[in-house]
Amino acid sequence: MTLGSTPPQPAEPLMQMLVLLNGHCVEQALHVAAVLGIADLLMEGVKSSDELASATATHEPSLYRLLRTLASIGIFSEDRNRPFTLTYWKRFADTDS
């Protein structure tokens, strides 16, 4: 910010509250995906929620909701028929580096 410029305006209170509330949900979703090794599995290529649930021994409908949550913020992307891929965030998800 330079002298004489106007400071950024705060977001509407409702939007501020939604960002704060969703931050915790996203943090938890990222944690669960990391513990399950979802990014590592997707480094191998596109996988459906069924394949990921089988590989992680998890409940497929619940895992699908988790994957959709993370897809909504751009961590994964979902194509038709539930296949998921990593987005450009994969460079942060590589557990071998």
Protein backbone atom coordinates (compact mmCIF):
# COMPACT_ATOMS: atom_id res chain seq x y z
CA MET A 1 0.00 0.00 0.00
CA THR A 2 1.36 3.40 -0.91
CA LEU A 3 0.83 6.72 0.80
CA GLY A 4 -2.49 8.18 -0.18
CA SER A 5 -3.97 4.91 -1.40
CA THR A 6 -7.10 3.59 0.21
CA PRO A 7 -6.82 0.51 2.42
CA PRO A 8 -8.52 -2.67 1.19
CA GLN A 9 -12.14 -2.90 2.23
CA PRO A 10 -13.08 -5.76 4.55
CA ALA A 11 -15.29 -8.46 3.10
CA GLU A 12 -18.90 -8.62 4.10
CA PRO A 13 -19.30 -10.09 7.61
CA LEU A 14 -21.15 -13.14 6.27
CA MET A 15 -18.37 -13.89 3.78
CA GLN A 16 -15.74 -13.42 6.50
CA MET A 17 -17.59 -15.90 8.73
CA LEU A 18 -17.90 -18.45 5.91
CA VAL A 19 -14.18 -18.24 5.16
CA LEU A 20 -13.36 -18.75 8.84
CA LEU A 21 -15.73 -21.68 9.23
CA ASN A 22 -14.67 -23.40 6.03
CA GLY A 23 -10.99 -22.98 6.85
CA HIS A 24 -11.24 -25.60 9.58
CA CYS A 25 -13.13 -28.02 7.31
CA VAL A 26 -10.54 -27.64 4.56
CA GLU A 27 -7.71 -28.11 7.06
CA GLN A 28 -9.28 -31.34 8.31
CA ALA A 29 -10.00 -32.59 4.78
CA LEU A 30 -6.37 -31.98 3.78
CA HIS A 31 -5.19 -33.80 6.90
CA VAL A 32 -7.35 -36.85 6.23
CA ALA A 33 -6.29 -36.96 2.56
CA ALA A 34 -2.64 -36.77 3.64
CA VAL A 35 -3.00 -39.53 6.24
CA LEU A 36 -4.71 -41.76 3.67
CA GLY A 37 -2.02 -41.03 1.07
CA ILE A 38 -4.52 -39.91 -1.56
CA ALA A 39 -2.04 -37.64 -3.34
CA ASP A 40 0.50 -40.46 -3.57
CA LEU A 41 -2.12 -42.73 -5.11
CA LEU A 42 -3.11 -40.06 -7.60
CA MET A 43 0.54 -39.49 -8.58
CA GLU A 44 0.20 -42.88 -10.30
CA GLY A 45 -2.59 -41.47 -12.49
CA VAL A 46 -6.33 -40.93 -12.65
CA LYS A 47 -8.33 -43.01 -10.18
CA SER A 48 -12.00 -43.28 -9.36
CA SER A 49 -13.33 -42.83 -5.85
CA ASP A 50 -14.03 -46.60 -5.86
CA GLU A 51 -10.38 -47.37 -6.62
CA LEU A 52 -9.16 -44.92 -4.00
CA ALA A 53 -11.55 -46.29 -1.39
CA SER A 54 -10.37 -49.82 -2.11
CA ALA A 55 -6.70 -48.79 -1.93
CA THR A 56 -7.23 -46.97 1.38
CA ALA A 57 -9.76 -49.38 2.93
CA THR A 58 -12.27 -46.57 3.40
CA HIS A 59 -16.01 -46.10 2.93
CA GLU A 60 -16.42 -44.99 -0.71
CA PRO A 61 -19.32 -42.52 -0.27
CA SER A 62 -17.48 -40.79 2.58
CA LEU A 63 -14.22 -40.69 0.64
CA TYR A 64 -16.08 -39.31 -2.37
CA ARG A 65 -17.41 -36.43 -0.25
CA LEU A 66 -13.88 -35.73 0.99
CA LEU A 67 -12.52 -35.74 -2.56
CA ARG A 68 -15.32 -33.46 -3.76
CA THR A 69 -14.58 -31.03 -0.94
CA LEU A 70 -10.95 -30.86 -1.97
CA ALA A 71 -11.88 -30.66 -5.65
CA SER A 72 -14.06 -27.64 -4.87
CA ILE A 73 -10.96 -25.71 -3.79
CA GLY A 74 -8.75 -26.97 -6.59
CA ILE A 75 -6.61 -29.59 -4.84
CA PHE A 76 -8.02 -32.39 -7.00
CA SER A 77 -10.07 -32.28 -10.14
CA GLU A 78 -13.00 -34.53 -10.88
CA ASP A 79 -14.07 -35.69 -14.33
CA ARG A 80 -17.22 -37.53 -15.35
CA ASN A 81 -17.95 -40.83 -13.62
CA ARG A 82 -15.95 -39.83 -10.53
CA PRO A 83 -12.33 -40.15 -11.70
CA PHE A 84 -10.03 -37.83 -9.77
CA THR A 85 -6.65 -36.37 -10.64
CA LEU A 86 -4.17 -34.13 -8.89
CA THR A 87 -4.04 -30.52 -10.01
CA TYR A 88 -0.94 -28.34 -10.08
CA TRP A 89 -0.86 -28.72 -6.29
CA LYS A 90 0.82 -32.09 -6.81
CA ARG A 91 4.23 -30.47 -6.49
CA PHE A 92 3.41 -29.85 -2.81
CA ALA A 93 2.03 -33.32 -2.25
CA ASP A 94 5.06 -35.39 -3.23
CA THR A 95 6.03 -37.26 -0.06
CA ASP A 96 9.27 -38.53 -1.63
CA SER A 97 10.87 -35.09 -1.78
